[in-house]
Amino acid sequence: MKPKEQAIEDFKKMIYASWTFAKLTEKEKENLNKSFDFAEKNSLIGNWGQRLNQLQAVYNGFLLALDYKPMGWR
């Protein structure tokens, strides 16, 4: 089992390599990082897996706010 504190860095590494992240503007990337920072400081709890799930929810909400669609987005 990985240390719970490592979840945020593992998640960011995965997201930064994704095609959806590559399509974000620089401002959107900055805002996403602010969202991750806020989650890390204020709401991430639990073990590594639980934290990863919470970060996935943050990222999913962020993409939905950008009107993300799995096919043909941007």
PDB file of N, CA and C in Angstrom:
ATOM      1  N   MET A   1       0.843  -1.182   0.000  1.00  0.00           N
ATOM      2  CA  MET A   1       0.000   0.000   0.000  1.00  0.00           C
ATOM      3  C   MET A   1       0.888   1.245   0.000  1.00  0.00           C
ATOM      4  N   LYS A   2       0.512   2.201  -0.808  1.00  0.00           N
ATOM      5  CA  LYS A   2       1.272   3.447  -0.920  1.00  0.00           C
ATOM      6  C   LYS A   2       0.887   4.403   0.208  1.00  0.00           C
ATOM      7  N   PRO A   3       1.829   5.277   0.583  1.00  0.00           N
ATOM      8  CA  PRO A   3       1.495   6.278   1.608  1.00  0.00           C
ATOM      9  C   PRO A   3       0.382   7.203   1.113  1.00  0.00           C
ATOM     10  N   LYS A   4      -0.544   7.525   1.984  1.00  0.00           N
ATOM     11  CA  LYS A   4      -1.687   8.347   1.598  1.00  0.00           C
ATOM     12  C   LYS A   4      -1.266   9.712   1.069  1.00  0.00           C
ATOM     13  N   GLU A   5      -0.174  10.254   1.577  1.00  0.00           N
ATOM     14  CA  GLU A   5       0.293  11.572   1.146  1.00  0.00           C
ATOM     15  C   GLU A   5       0.775  11.576  -0.312  1.00  0.00           C
ATOM     16  N   GLN A   6       1.054  10.416  -0.841  1.00  0.00           N
ATOM     17  CA  GLN A   6       1.552  10.299  -2.207  1.00  0.00           C
ATOM     18  C   GLN A   6       0.419  10.330  -3.243  1.00  0.00           C
ATOM     19  N   ALA A   7      -0.807  10.202  -2.803  1.00  0.00           N
ATOM     20  CA  ALA A   7      -1.946  10.126  -3.725  1.00  0.00           C
ATOM     21  C   ALA A   7      -2.038  11.333  -4.647  1.00  0.00           C
ATOM     22  N   ILE A   8      -1.853  12.522  -4.120  1.00  0.00           N
ATOM     23  CA  ILE A   8      -2.000  13.730  -4.939  1.00  0.00           C
ATOM     24  C   ILE A   8      -0.952  13.769  -6.043  1.00  0.00           C
ATOM     25  N   GLU A   9       0.283  13.427  -5.728  1.00  0.00           N
ATOM     26  CA  GLU A   9       1.335  13.442  -6.754  1.00  0.00           C
ATOM     27  C   GLU A   9       1.116  12.335  -7.780  1.00  0.00           C
ATOM     28  N   ASP A  10       0.681  11.164  -7.340  1.00  0.00           N
ATOM     29  CA  ASP A  10       0.386  10.076  -8.276  1.00  0.00           C
ATOM     30  C   ASP A  10      -0.751  10.460  -9.211  1.00  0.00           C
ATOM     31  N   PHE A  11      -1.774  11.095  -8.658  1.00  0.00           N
ATOM     32  CA  PHE A  11      -2.916  11.487  -9.482  1.00  0.00           C
ATOM     33  C   PHE A  11      -2.518  12.567 -10.483  1.00  0.00           C
ATOM     34  N   LYS A  12      -1.778  13.565 -10.033  1.00  0.00           N
ATOM     35  CA  LYS A  12      -1.348  14.628 -10.940  1.00  0.00           C
ATOM     36  C   LYS A  12      -0.496  14.060 -12.069  1.00  0.00           C
ATOM     37  N   LYS A  13       0.395  13.150 -11.750  1.00  0.00           N
ATOM     38  CA  LYS A  13       1.248  12.539 -12.771  1.00  0.00           C
ATOM     39  C   LYS A  13       0.395  11.851 -13.842  1.00  0.00           C
ATOM     40  N   MET A  14      -0.637  11.139 -13.404  1.00  0.00           N
ATOM     41  CA  MET A  14      -1.525  10.451 -14.331  1.00  0.00           C
ATOM     42  C   MET A  14      -2.307  11.460 -15.178  1.00  0.00           C
ATOM     43  N   ILE A  15      -2.861  12.483 -14.551  1.00  0.00           N
ATOM     44  CA  ILE A  15      -3.672  13.473 -15.253  1.00  0.00           C
ATOM     45  C   ILE A  15      -2.832  14.282 -16.227  1.00  0.00           C
ATOM     46  N   TYR A  16      -1.637  14.680 -15.822  1.00  0.00           N
ATOM     47  CA  TYR A  16      -0.783  15.494 -16.686  1.00  0.00           C
ATOM     48  C   TYR A  16      -0.375  14.756 -17.957  1.00  0.00           C
ATOM     49  N   ALA A  17      -0.444  13.436 -17.932  1.00  0.00           N
ATOM     50  CA  ALA A  17      -0.124  12.632 -19.116  1.00  0.00           C
ATOM     51  C   ALA A  17      -1.353  12.353 -19.986  1.00  0.00           C
ATOM     52  N   SER A  18      -2.519  12.816 -19.571  1.00  0.00           N
ATOM     53  CA  SER A  18      -3.760  12.495 -20.287  1.00  0.00           C
ATOM     54  C   SER A  18      -4.011  13.438 -21.462  1.00  0.00           C
ATOM     55  N   TRP A  19      -4.785  12.952 -22.421  1.00  0.00           N
ATOM     56  CA  TRP A  19      -5.112  13.782 -23.588  1.00  0.00           C
ATOM     57  C   TRP A  19      -6.039  14.925 -23.206  1.00  0.00           C
ATOM     58  N   THR A  20      -6.883  14.720 -22.199  1.00  0.00           N
ATOM     59  CA  THR A  20      -7.790  15.800 -21.793  1.00  0.00           C
ATOM     60  C   THR A  20      -6.992  16.963 -21.204  1.00  0.00           C
ATOM     61  N   PHE A  21      -5.986  16.669 -20.406  1.00  0.00           N
ATOM     62  CA  PHE A  21      -5.166  17.725 -19.837  1.00  0.00           C
ATOM     63  C   PHE A  21      -4.438  18.491 -20.942  1.00  0.00           C
ATOM     64  N   ALA A  22      -3.982  17.787 -21.948  1.00  0.00           N
ATOM     65  CA  ALA A  22      -3.272  18.425 -23.066  1.00  0.00           C
ATOM     66  C   ALA A  22      -4.164  19.413 -23.811  1.00  0.00           C
ATOM     67  N   LYS A  23      -5.467  19.203 -23.775  1.00  0.00           N
ATOM     68  CA  LYS A  23      -6.401  20.085 -24.474  1.00  0.00           C
ATOM     69  C   LYS A  23      -6.808  21.311 -23.666  1.00  0.00           C
ATOM     70  N   LEU A  24      -6.433  21.356 -22.399  1.00  0.00           N
ATOM     71  CA  LEU A  24      -6.787  22.500 -21.566  1.00  0.00           C
ATOM     72  C   LEU A  24      -5.938  23.712 -21.941  1.00  0.00           C
ATOM     73  N   THR A  25      -6.514  24.894 -21.762  1.00  0.00           N
ATOM     74  CA  THR A  25      -5.745  26.121 -21.936  1.00  0.00           C
ATOM     75  C   THR A  25      -4.816  26.269 -20.727  1.00  0.00           C
ATOM     76  N   GLU A  26      -3.864  27.169 -20.817  1.00  0.00           N
ATOM     77  CA  GLU A  26      -2.957  27.404 -19.689  1.00  0.00           C
ATOM     78  C   GLU A  26      -3.727  27.894 -18.461  1.00  0.00           C
ATOM     79  N   LYS A  27      -4.717  28.745 -18.659  1.00  0.00           N
ATOM     80  CA  LYS A  27      -5.535  29.238 -17.550  1.00  0.00           C
ATOM     81  C   LYS A  27      -6.322  28.095 -16.909  1.00  0.00           C
ATOM     82  N   GLU A  28      -6.872  27.203 -17.730  1.00  0.00           N
ATOM     83  CA  GLU A  28      -7.615  26.059 -17.196  1.00  0.00           C
ATOM     84  C   GLU A  28      -6.691  25.135 -16.405  1.00  0.00           C
ATOM     85  N   LYS A  29      -5.472  24.940 -16.895  1.00  0.00           N
ATOM     86  CA  LYS A  29      -4.502  24.118 -16.167  1.00  0.00           C
ATOM     87  C   LYS A  29      -4.184  24.751 -14.816  1.00  0.00           C
ATOM     88  N   GLU A  30      -4.021  26.053 -14.811  1.00  0.00           N
ATOM     89  CA  GLU A  30      -3.758  26.771 -13.566  1.00  0.00           C
ATOM     90  C   GLU A  30      -4.927  26.607 -12.591  1.00  0.00           C
ATOM     91  N   ASN A  31      -6.146  26.750 -13.103  1.00  0.00           N
ATOM     92  CA  ASN A  31      -7.331  26.597 -12.259  1.00  0.00           C
ATOM     93  C   ASN A  31      -7.475  25.168 -11.742  1.00  0.00           C
ATOM     94  N   LEU A  32      -7.150  24.185 -12.566  1.00  0.00           N
ATOM     95  CA  LEU A  32      -7.207  22.795 -12.121  1.00  0.00           C
ATOM     96  C   LEU A  32      -6.216  22.572 -10.984  1.00  0.00           C
ATOM     97  N   ASN A  33      -5.021  23.107 -11.121  1.00  0.00           N
ATOM     98  CA  ASN A  33      -4.031  22.961 -10.053  1.00  0.00           C
ATOM     99  C   ASN A  33      -4.503  23.631  -8.770  1.00  0.00           C
ATOM    100  N   LYS A  34      -5.179  24.757  -8.890  1.00  0.00           N
ATOM    101  CA  LYS A  34      -5.752  25.410  -7.709  1.00  0.00           C
ATOM    102  C   LYS A  34      -6.804  24.516  -7.060  1.00  0.00           C
ATOM    103  N   SER A  35      -7.594  23.835  -7.878  1.00  0.00           N
ATOM    104  CA  SER A  35      -8.607  22.912  -7.357  1.00  0.00           C
ATOM    105  C   SER A  35      -7.951  21.753  -6.611  1.00  0.00           C
ATOM    106  N   PHE A  36      -6.887  21.205  -7.180  1.00  0.00           N
ATOM    107  CA  PHE A  36      -6.166  20.123  -6.514  1.00  0.00           C
ATOM    108  C   PHE A  36      -5.541  20.609  -5.208  1.00  0.00           C
ATOM    109  N   ASP A  37      -4.945  21.797  -5.234  1.00  0.00           N
ATOM    110  CA  ASP A  37      -4.336  22.351  -4.028  1.00  0.00           C
ATOM    111  C   ASP A  37      -5.382  22.554  -2.929  1.00  0.00           C
ATOM    112  N   PHE A  38      -6.545  23.074  -3.322  1.00  0.00           N
ATOM    113  CA  PHE A  38      -7.620  23.287  -2.353  1.00  0.00           C
ATOM    114  C   PHE A  38      -8.054  21.953  -1.749  1.00  0.00           C
ATOM    115  N   ALA A  39      -8.249  20.951  -2.599  1.00  0.00           N
ATOM    116  CA  ALA A  39      -8.665  19.635  -2.104  1.00  0.00           C
ATOM    117  C   ALA A  39      -7.618  19.064  -1.151  1.00  0.00           C
ATOM    118  N   GLU A  40      -6.361  19.195  -1.523  1.00  0.00           N
ATOM    119  CA  GLU A  40      -5.289  18.640  -0.687  1.00  0.00           C
ATOM    120  C   GLU A  40      -5.251  19.305   0.684  1.00  0.00           C
ATOM    121  N   LYS A  41      -5.448  20.607   0.730  1.00  0.00           N
ATOM    122  CA  LYS A  41      -5.354  21.328   1.996  1.00  0.00           C
ATOM    123  C   LYS A  41      -6.615  21.249   2.840  1.00  0.00           C
ATOM    124  N   ASN A  42      -7.765  21.027   2.198  1.00  0.00           N
ATOM    125  CA  ASN A  42      -9.024  21.177   2.925  1.00  0.00           C
ATOM    126  C   ASN A  42      -9.927  19.954   3.010  1.00  0.00           C
ATOM    127  N   SER A  43      -9.754  18.985   2.112  1.00  0.00           N
ATOM    128  CA  SER A  43     -10.770  17.939   2.139  1.00  0.00           C
ATOM    129  C   SER A  43     -10.299  16.516   1.885  1.00  0.00           C
ATOM    130  N   LEU A  44      -9.062  16.300   1.489  1.00  0.00           N
ATOM    131  CA  LEU A  44      -8.615  14.932   1.242  1.00  0.00           C
ATOM    132  C   LEU A  44      -8.445  14.183   2.555  1.00  0.00           C
ATOM    133  N   ILE A  45      -9.120  13.053   2.642  1.00  0.00           N
ATOM    134  CA  ILE A  45      -9.012  12.214   3.830  1.00  0.00           C
ATOM    135  C   ILE A  45      -8.965  10.757   3.391  1.00  0.00           C
ATOM    136  N   GLY A  46      -8.512   9.926   4.293  1.00  0.00           N
ATOM    137  CA  GLY A  46      -8.510   8.494   4.030  1.00  0.00           C
ATOM    138  C   GLY A  46      -7.171   7.994   3.524  1.00  0.00           C
ATOM    139  N   ASN A  47      -7.196   6.735   3.073  1.00  0.00           N
ATOM    140  CA  ASN A  47      -5.979   6.114   2.583  1.00  0.00           C
ATOM    141  C   ASN A  47      -5.695   6.543   1.141  1.00  0.00           C
ATOM    142  N   TRP A  48      -4.649   5.989   0.555  1.00  0.00           N
ATOM    143  CA  TRP A  48      -4.231   6.363  -0.798  1.00  0.00           C
ATOM    144  C   TRP A  48      -5.374   6.188  -1.802  1.00  0.00           C
ATOM    145  N   GLY A  49      -6.025   5.049  -1.784  1.00  0.00           N
ATOM    146  CA  GLY A  49      -7.111   4.771  -2.730  1.00  0.00           C
ATOM    147  C   GLY A  49      -8.305   5.690  -2.546  1.00  0.00           C
ATOM    148  N   GLN A  50      -8.660   5.957  -1.318  1.00  0.00           N
ATOM    149  CA  GLN A  50      -9.775   6.854  -1.040  1.00  0.00           C
ATOM    150  C   GLN A  50      -9.462   8.269  -1.509  1.00  0.00           C
ATOM    151  N   ARG A  51      -8.247   8.696  -1.300  1.00  0.00           N
ATOM    152  CA  ARG A  51      -7.844  10.026  -1.756  1.00  0.00           C
ATOM    153  C   ARG A  51      -7.837  10.103  -3.281  1.00  0.00           C
ATOM    154  N   LEU A  52      -7.384   9.041  -3.930  1.00  0.00           N
ATOM    155  CA  LEU A  52      -7.402   9.022  -5.388  1.00  0.00           C
ATOM    156  C   LEU A  52      -8.835   9.150  -5.906  1.00  0.00           C
ATOM    157  N   ASN A  53      -9.768   8.469  -5.267  1.00  0.00           N
ATOM    158  CA  ASN A  53     -11.178   8.574  -5.667  1.00  0.00           C
ATOM    159  C   ASN A  53     -11.702   9.998  -5.492  1.00  0.00           C
ATOM    160  N   GLN A  54     -11.315  10.653  -4.418  1.00  0.00           N
ATOM    161  CA  GLN A  54     -11.745  12.030  -4.188  1.00  0.00           C
ATOM    162  C   GLN A  54     -11.163  12.970  -5.242  1.00  0.00           C
ATOM    163  N   LEU A  55      -9.913  12.749  -5.596  1.00  0.00           N
ATOM    164  CA  LEU A  55      -9.289  13.574  -6.637  1.00  0.00           C
ATOM    165  C   LEU A  55      -9.935  13.332  -7.992  1.00  0.00           C
ATOM    166  N   GLN A  56     -10.338  12.097  -8.255  1.00  0.00           N
ATOM    167  CA  GLN A  56     -11.039  11.801  -9.505  1.00  0.00           C
ATOM    168  C   GLN A  56     -12.363  12.561  -9.556  1.00  0.00           C
ATOM    169  N   ALA A  57     -13.039  12.669  -8.425  1.00  0.00           N
ATOM    170  CA  ALA A  57     -14.288  13.429  -8.379  1.00  0.00           C
ATOM    171  C   ALA A  57     -14.032  14.916  -8.651  1.00  0.00           C
ATOM    172  N   VAL A  58     -12.951  15.457  -8.105  1.00  0.00           N
ATOM    173  CA  VAL A  58     -12.592  16.863  -8.359  1.00  0.00           C
ATOM    174  C   VAL A  58     -12.346  17.060  -9.857  1.00  0.00           C
ATOM    175  N   TYR A  59     -11.562  16.171 -10.455  1.00  0.00           N
ATOM    176  CA  TYR A  59     -11.237  16.290 -11.877  1.00  0.00           C
ATOM    177  C   TYR A  59     -12.483  16.117 -12.749  1.00  0.00           C
ATOM    178  N   ASN A  60     -13.322  15.168 -12.394  1.00  0.00           N
ATOM    179  CA  ASN A  60     -14.556  14.948 -13.146  1.00  0.00           C
ATOM    180  C   ASN A  60     -15.437  16.194 -13.099  1.00  0.00           C
ATOM    181  N   GLY A  61     -15.609  16.786 -11.924  1.00  0.00           N
ATOM    182  CA  GLY A  61     -16.399  18.014 -11.797  1.00  0.00           C
ATOM    183  C   GLY A  61     -15.800  19.151 -12.599  1.00  0.00           C
ATOM    184  N   PHE A  62     -14.487  19.251 -12.593  1.00  0.00           N
ATOM    185  CA  PHE A  62     -13.800  20.290 -13.357  1.00  0.00           C
ATOM    186  C   PHE A  62     -14.085  20.128 -14.849  1.00  0.00           C
ATOM    187  N   LEU A  63     -13.954  18.908 -15.357  1.00  0.00           N
ATOM    188  CA  LEU A  63     -14.209  18.671 -16.779  1.00  0.00           C
ATOM    189  C   LEU A  63     -15.671  18.914 -17.132  1.00  0.00           C
ATOM    190  N   LEU A  64     -16.579  18.526 -16.272  1.00  0.00           N
ATOM    191  CA  LEU A  64     -18.001  18.771 -16.530  1.00  0.00           C
ATOM    192  C   LEU A  64     -18.290  20.268 -16.608  1.00  0.00           C
ATOM    193  N   ALA A  65     -17.615  21.052 -15.774  1.00  0.00           N
ATOM    194  CA  ALA A  65     -17.796  22.505 -15.811  1.00  0.00           C
ATOM    195  C   ALA A  65     -17.295  23.092 -17.129  1.00  0.00           C
ATOM    196  N   LEU A  66     -16.367  22.399 -17.775  1.00  0.00           N
ATOM    197  CA  LEU A  66     -15.856  22.830 -19.085  1.00  0.00           C
ATOM    198  C   LEU A  66     -16.659  22.239 -20.242  1.00  0.00           C
ATOM    199  N   ASP A  67     -17.779  21.582 -19.912  1.00  0.00           N
ATOM    200  CA  ASP A  67     -18.646  20.945 -20.901  1.00  0.00           C
ATOM    201  C   ASP A  67     -17.941  19.826 -21.662  1.00  0.00           C
ATOM    202  N   TYR A  68     -17.132  19.075 -20.924  1.00  0.00           N
ATOM    203  CA  TYR A  68     -16.392  17.946 -21.501  1.00  0.00           C
ATOM    204  C   TYR A  68     -17.360  16.897 -22.072  1.00  0.00           C
ATOM    205  N   LYS A  69     -17.000  16.391 -23.236  1.00  0.00           N
ATOM    206  CA  LYS A  69     -17.707  15.261 -23.868  1.00  0.00           C
ATOM    207  C   LYS A  69     -16.642  14.247 -24.258  1.00  0.00           C
ATOM    208  N   PRO A  70     -16.875  12.962 -24.018  1.00  0.00           N
ATOM    209  CA  PRO A  70     -15.858  11.959 -24.329  1.00  0.00           C
ATOM    210  C   PRO A  70     -15.431  11.922 -25.802  1.00  0.00           C
ATOM    211  N   MET A  71     -16.333  12.251 -26.695  1.00  0.00           N
ATOM    212  CA  MET A  71     -15.998  12.206 -28.127  1.00  0.00           C
ATOM    213  C   MET A  71     -16.089  13.620 -28.703  1.00  0.00           C
ATOM    214  N   GLY A  72     -15.044  14.014 -29.405  1.00  0.00           N
ATOM    215  CA  GLY A  72     -15.075  15.278 -30.130  1.00  0.00           C
ATOM    216  C   GLY A  72     -14.924  16.522 -29.284  1.00  0.00           C
ATOM    217  N   TRP A  73     -14.446  16.378 -28.054  1.00  0.00           N
ATOM    218  CA  TRP A  73     -14.267  17.553 -27.206  1.00  0.00           C
ATOM    219  C   TRP A  73     -13.019  18.303 -27.637  1.00  0.00           C
ATOM    220  N   ARG A  74     -13.210  19.531 -28.001  1.00  0.00           N
ATOM    221  CA  ARG A  74     -12.148  20.442 -28.435  1.00  0.00           C
ATOM    222  C   ARG A  74     -11.455  19.896 -29.643  1.00  0.00           C
TER     223      ARG A  74
END
